[in-house]
Amino acid sequence: MTLEDHLGDILRKARQAANVSSDAAAKAAALSGSDYSALEDSGQSAQRPDLLALADLIGLNGRKLVGIAQGWLPAPIDLNQWCELRQITTHGASYSVNCYLIWDEVTREAALFDTGFEAAPVFDLIEQNQLQLKHLFITHTHSDHVAALGPIREKFPKVRLHSSSKSAPLDQRNRANDFIHLGSLRITNRDTPGHADDGVSYIVGNFPDDAPNVIIVGDALFAGSMGGAKQLAELAKQKIREQIFSLPPAALICPGHGPVTTVEQEKANNPFFV
């Protein structure tokens, strides 16, 4: 398991959001300019940086940042407790992206959350489990999350599309307080803009055996980090606190990149949240 963002990625996102120059960050970290640049690029530095001082300058939690530097990873989660949930990871030229397939075990009605780069793994799962794809939920319309939209809609022309894009037809746009039923499962949405104007997260609840809620967050939040937001970082963090961290501690967070995590683990370990 590896995190989507290494230490340097986290520092760069926070520094840019705080409008702090590389020179000022290097000074706070007690590094030369070249060493600091290497730290952001690779997550590694020849000299030991002063992460507590740097965190204070760029608005991160110093203790949690040190934890990331020391190799923190979310505790492994057994996805078998959600027997109708599958994470599908597809690979582009330089990075990977996750999408998620969820279905009701009785009706076999399924929903796909984002598409990833390739449709074939989605088609395989649907066929293997004899599912009916009823809904396609989009967390945001950045290209890696909708790359396979065309083939999926071509194969399943009756699939109902859901997004918060202002350019989407009215009948495809999420509305506040929408409740979508997938057999006995219930899907709601919460706006989580910042990384993307149309960012939205989807909560799936009412799983069998009282399994915790699942929230598919796109690029709003990663294990130990968050999606880049720059000028909208404060809005992004506010929405994460209000819309994601308000869920029960055991709620499963399913990000668009990197490993799954939980509300409890992110509140305790994500350095963007002090």
Protein backbone atom coordinates (compact mmCIF):
# COMPACT_ATOMS: atom_id res chain seq x y z
CA MET A 1 0.00 0.00 0.00
CA THR A 2 1.26 3.47 -0.87
CA LEU A 3 -0.35 6.86 -0.37
CA GLU A 4 -1.46 8.88 -3.37
CA ASP A 5 0.56 11.90 -2.13
CA HIS A 6 4.06 11.62 -0.73
CA LEU A 7 5.40 14.15 1.78
CA GLY A 8 6.55 16.54 -0.94
CA ASP A 9 3.16 16.52 -2.67
CA ILE A 10 1.51 17.47 0.62
CA LEU A 11 4.00 20.27 1.22
CA ARG A 12 3.58 21.69 -2.28
CA LYS A 13 -0.22 21.69 -2.09
CA ALA A 14 -0.23 23.36 1.31
CA ARG A 15 2.46 25.90 0.37
CA GLN A 16 0.69 26.95 -2.81
CA ALA A 17 -2.65 27.21 -1.01
CA ALA A 18 -1.02 29.40 1.66
CA ASN A 19 0.66 31.54 -1.04
CA VAL A 20 4.09 30.94 0.49
CA SER A 21 7.17 31.10 -1.72
CA SER A 22 9.57 28.18 -2.05
CA ASP A 23 12.32 30.36 -0.58
CA ALA A 24 10.27 31.13 2.54
CA ALA A 25 9.36 27.46 2.93
CA ALA A 26 13.00 26.43 2.56
CA LYS A 27 14.02 28.92 5.25
CA ALA A 28 11.36 27.64 7.66
CA ALA A 29 12.43 24.05 6.99
CA ALA A 30 16.11 24.98 7.55
CA LEU A 31 17.00 23.69 4.08
CA SER A 32 18.78 25.16 1.10
CA GLY A 33 16.61 26.10 -1.85
CA SER A 34 17.78 23.12 -3.86
CA ASP A 35 17.22 20.70 -0.99
CA TYR A 36 13.73 22.05 -0.47
CA SER A 37 12.91 21.70 -4.16
CA ALA A 38 14.10 18.10 -4.02
CA LEU A 39 11.88 17.52 -0.98
CA GLU A 40 8.77 18.70 -2.80
CA ASP A 41 9.68 16.75 -5.92
CA SER A 42 10.43 13.42 -4.30
CA GLY A 43 9.32 13.54 -0.68
CA GLN A 44 12.96 12.99 0.32
CA SER A 45 15.71 15.37 1.45
CA ALA A 46 19.43 14.94 2.02
CA GLN A 47 19.10 17.06 5.16
CA ARG A 48 16.50 16.59 7.87
CA PRO A 49 13.88 19.35 7.48
CA ASP A 50 12.29 21.22 10.36
CA LEU A 51 8.80 19.94 9.62
CA LEU A 52 7.17 21.52 12.66
CA ALA A 53 8.28 25.03 11.69
CA LEU A 54 7.38 24.42 8.07
CA ALA A 55 3.95 23.07 8.98
CA ASP A 56 3.26 26.16 11.08
CA LEU A 57 4.13 28.42 8.14
CA ILE A 58 1.96 26.67 5.55
CA GLY A 59 -1.04 25.75 7.70
CA LEU A 60 -0.50 22.05 8.31
CA ASN A 61 -0.67 20.08 11.54
CA GLY A 62 2.96 19.51 12.48
CA ARG A 63 2.45 16.32 14.46
CA LYS A 64 0.44 14.71 11.67
CA LEU A 65 2.96 15.88 9.05
CA VAL A 66 5.77 14.21 10.99
CA GLY A 67 3.64 11.07 11.03
CA ILE A 68 3.42 11.14 7.23
CA ALA A 69 7.20 11.63 7.02
CA GLN A 70 7.66 8.60 9.28
CA GLY A 71 5.61 6.41 6.97
CA TRP A 72 2.03 6.59 8.27
CA LEU A 73 -0.45 4.51 6.29
CA PRO A 74 -4.14 3.91 6.98
CA ALA A 75 -4.79 0.64 8.77
CA PRO A 76 -5.77 -2.10 6.30
CA ILE A 77 -9.53 -2.41 5.89
CA ASP A 78 -11.31 -5.67 5.10
CA LEU A 79 -13.68 -4.74 2.28
CA ASN A 80 -15.46 -8.09 2.67
CA GLN A 81 -17.74 -6.51 5.25
CA TRP A 82 -19.23 -4.63 2.28
CA CYS A 83 -19.75 -7.75 0.16
CA GLU A 84 -21.32 -5.73 -2.69
CA LEU A 85 -18.50 -3.16 -3.03
CA ARG A 86 -15.58 -3.36 -5.44
CA GLN A 87 -12.75 -0.88 -5.96
CA ILE A 88 -11.58 -0.84 -9.59
CA THR A 89 -8.18 0.70 -10.30
CA THR A 90 -7.17 1.51 -13.86
CA HIS A 91 -3.88 2.94 -15.05
CA GLY A 92 -3.02 5.88 -17.29
CA ALA A 93 0.35 6.91 -18.67
CA SER A 94 1.71 8.15 -15.33
CA TYR A 95 -0.86 7.49 -12.60
CA SER A 96 -3.82 5.38 -11.54
CA VAL A 97 -7.42 6.24 -10.77
CA ASN A 98 -10.12 4.43 -8.79
CA CYS A 99 -13.76 3.92 -9.55
CA TYR A 100 -16.23 1.89 -7.49
CA LEU A 101 -19.01 -0.57 -8.28
CA ILE A 102 -21.72 -1.19 -5.67
CA TRP A 103 -24.81 -3.38 -5.95
CA ASP A 104 -27.73 -4.79 -4.02
CA GLU A 105 -27.19 -8.49 -3.33
CA VAL A 106 -30.86 -9.41 -3.82
CA THR A 107 -32.01 -7.34 -6.82
CA ARG A 108 -28.51 -7.31 -8.48
CA GLU A 109 -29.07 -3.64 -9.32
CA ALA A 110 -25.72 -1.85 -9.54
CA ALA A 111 -24.30 1.66 -9.45
CA LEU A 112 -20.92 2.78 -10.76
CA PHE A 113 -19.13 5.73 -9.22
CA ASP A 114 -16.83 7.40 -11.79
CA THR A 115 -15.47 5.39 -14.71
CA GLY A 116 -11.68 5.32 -14.51
CA PHE A 117 -9.58 5.05 -17.65
CA GLU A 118 -10.98 1.76 -18.96
CA ALA A 119 -14.44 0.23 -19.20
CA ALA A 120 -13.35 -3.42 -19.56
CA PRO A 121 -12.85 -4.14 -15.80
CA VAL A 122 -16.30 -2.68 -15.11
CA PHE A 123 -17.89 -4.83 -17.80
CA ASP A 124 -16.13 -7.92 -16.45
CA LEU A 125 -17.42 -7.38 -12.91
CA ILE A 126 -20.95 -6.72 -14.11
CA GLU A 127 -20.92 -9.94 -16.14
CA GLN A 128 -19.28 -12.07 -13.46
CA ASN A 129 -21.83 -11.01 -10.84
CA GLN A 130 -24.84 -10.94 -13.19
CA LEU A 131 -25.65 -7.31 -12.43
CA GLN A 132 -27.92 -4.69 -13.95
CA LEU A 133 -26.14 -1.32 -14.16
CA LYS A 134 -28.82 1.22 -13.23
CA HIS A 135 -26.89 4.33 -12.18
CA LEU A 136 -23.62 6.11 -12.97
CA PHE A 137 -22.55 8.70 -10.39
CA ILE A 138 -19.80 11.21 -11.29
CA THR A 139 -17.82 12.82 -8.45
CA HIS A 140 -16.37 15.48 -10.79
CA THR A 141 -15.75 15.78 -14.50
CA HIS A 142 -11.93 15.84 -14.62
CA SER A 143 -10.87 13.66 -17.54
CA ASP A 144 -9.40 10.73 -15.58
CA HIS A 145 -12.68 10.20 -13.74
CA VAL A 146 -14.88 10.14 -16.84
CA ALA A 147 -12.49 8.71 -19.46
CA ALA A 148 -14.58 5.57 -20.02
CA LEU A 149 -17.94 7.35 -19.96
CA GLY A 150 -18.56 6.88 -23.69
CA PRO A 151 -18.08 3.10 -23.84
CA ILE A 152 -20.10 2.57 -20.67
CA ARG A 153 -23.05 4.60 -21.91
CA GLU A 154 -22.84 2.89 -25.28
CA LYS A 155 -23.08 -0.56 -23.68
CA PHE A 156 -25.70 0.53 -21.14
CA PRO A 157 -27.74 3.24 -22.90
CA LYS A 158 -30.45 3.26 -20.23
CA VAL A 159 -28.05 3.91 -17.34
CA ARG A 160 -29.10 6.97 -15.36
CA LEU A 161 -26.33 9.58 -15.08
CA HIS A 162 -25.84 11.75 -11.97
CA SER A 163 -23.42 14.68 -11.63
CA SER A 164 -23.15 18.22 -10.26
CA SER A 165 -21.78 19.67 -13.49
CA LYS A 166 -23.55 22.89 -14.45
CA SER A 167 -23.33 21.81 -18.09
CA ALA A 168 -25.21 18.56 -17.48
CA PRO A 169 -28.84 18.31 -18.57
CA LEU A 170 -31.22 19.20 -15.77
CA ASP A 171 -32.46 15.64 -15.39
CA GLN A 172 -28.89 14.44 -14.72
CA ARG A 173 -27.96 17.03 -12.08
CA ASN A 174 -27.77 16.15 -8.40
CA ARG A 175 -30.25 17.90 -6.18
CA ALA A 176 -29.96 18.50 -2.45
CA ASN A 177 -31.77 15.84 -0.43
CA ASP A 178 -31.93 13.39 -3.36
CA PHE A 179 -32.43 9.78 -2.22
CA ILE A 180 -31.63 7.15 -4.81
CA HIS A 181 -32.62 3.58 -3.95
CA LEU A 182 -30.56 0.68 -5.23
CA GLY A 183 -32.52 -2.28 -3.98
CA SER A 184 -32.30 -1.89 -0.21
CA LEU A 185 -29.27 0.44 -0.43
CA ARG A 186 -29.74 4.20 -0.24
CA ILE A 187 -27.54 6.78 -1.99
CA THR A 188 -27.40 10.49 -1.14
CA ASN A 189 -25.08 13.28 -2.23
CA ARG A 190 -23.15 16.08 -0.54
CA ASP A 191 -21.41 18.96 -2.32
CA THR A 192 -17.62 18.90 -1.85
CA PRO A 193 -16.23 21.57 -4.22
CA GLY A 194 -12.72 23.00 -4.02
CA HIS A 195 -10.61 20.64 -6.05
CA ALA A 196 -13.30 20.87 -8.76
CA ASP A 197 -16.20 23.28 -9.13
CA ASP A 198 -18.58 20.36 -9.60
CA GLY A 199 -17.10 18.21 -6.84
CA VAL A 200 -19.65 16.03 -5.08
CA SER A 201 -19.40 13.04 -2.74
CA TYR A 202 -21.88 10.18 -2.58
CA ILE A 203 -22.92 8.39 0.60
CA VAL A 204 -24.15 4.81 0.33
CA GLY A 205 -25.92 3.42 3.38
CA ASN A 206 -28.21 0.69 4.63
CA PHE A 207 -25.74 -2.12 3.91
CA PRO A 208 -26.55 -5.62 5.19
CA ASP A 209 -25.23 -6.66 8.61
CA ASP A 210 -24.99 -3.00 9.65
CA ALA A 211 -21.78 -2.40 7.69
CA PRO A 212 -20.74 1.27 8.02
CA ASN A 213 -21.70 3.88 5.46
CA VAL A 214 -19.49 4.26 2.40
CA ILE A 215 -18.64 7.69 0.99
CA ILE A 216 -17.14 8.01 -2.48
CA VAL A 217 -15.25 11.30 -2.46
CA GLY A 218 -13.46 11.59 -5.81
CA ASP A 219 -10.48 13.90 -5.38
CA ALA A 220 -11.88 15.90 -2.45
CA LEU A 221 -9.88 13.83 0.03
CA PHE A 222 -7.10 11.24 -0.09
CA ALA A 223 -5.65 9.08 2.66
CA GLY A 224 -3.30 11.51 4.43
CA SER A 225 -3.92 14.34 1.96
CA MET A 226 -6.50 16.10 -0.21
CA GLY A 227 -6.96 17.11 -3.82
CA GLY A 228 -5.15 20.22 -5.00
CA ALA A 229 -7.30 23.33 -4.60
CA LYS A 230 -4.88 26.32 -4.43
CA GLN A 231 -7.10 29.43 -4.10
CA LEU A 232 -10.07 27.32 -2.98
CA ALA A 233 -8.24 25.29 -0.34
CA GLU A 234 -10.15 26.82 2.58
CA LEU A 235 -13.47 26.09 0.90
CA ALA A 236 -12.33 22.55 0.16
CA LYS A 237 -11.31 21.95 3.78
CA GLN A 238 -14.52 23.49 5.10
CA LYS A 239 -16.61 21.17 2.93
CA ILE A 240 -14.57 18.13 4.00
CA ARG A 241 -15.11 19.00 7.67
CA GLU A 242 -18.84 19.63 7.19
CA GLN A 243 -19.75 16.96 4.68
CA ILE A 244 -17.29 14.10 5.24
CA PHE A 245 -15.88 14.39 8.76
CA SER A 246 -19.41 14.77 10.14
CA LEU A 247 -20.06 11.11 9.27
CA PRO A 248 -19.57 8.33 11.86
CA PRO A 249 -15.92 7.44 12.58
CA ALA A 250 -16.17 4.01 10.94
CA ALA A 251 -17.53 5.37 7.65
CA LEU A 252 -15.43 4.10 4.74
CA ILE A 253 -13.84 6.82 2.58
CA CYS A 254 -13.32 5.73 -1.03
CA PRO A 255 -11.05 8.24 -2.81
CA GLY A 256 -10.39 8.66 -6.50
CA HIS A 257 -6.69 7.88 -6.00
CA GLY A 258 -4.79 5.85 -3.43
CA PRO A 259 -6.05 3.51 -0.68
CA VAL A 260 -9.38 3.52 1.10
CA THR A 261 -9.46 4.95 4.60
CA THR A 262 -12.00 5.94 7.27
CA VAL A 263 -13.32 9.14 8.79
CA GLU A 264 -11.67 8.23 12.08
CA GLN A 265 -8.24 7.68 10.52
CA GLU A 266 -8.32 10.89 8.50
CA LYS A 267 -9.42 13.06 11.40
CA ALA A 268 -6.58 11.64 13.47
CA ASN A 269 -3.80 11.63 10.85
CA ASN A 270 -4.47 13.95 7.90
CA PRO A 271 -2.11 16.96 8.27
CA PHE A 272 -4.42 19.34 6.37
CA PHE A 273 -6.78 19.30 9.34
CA VAL A 274 -5.58 20.79 12.58
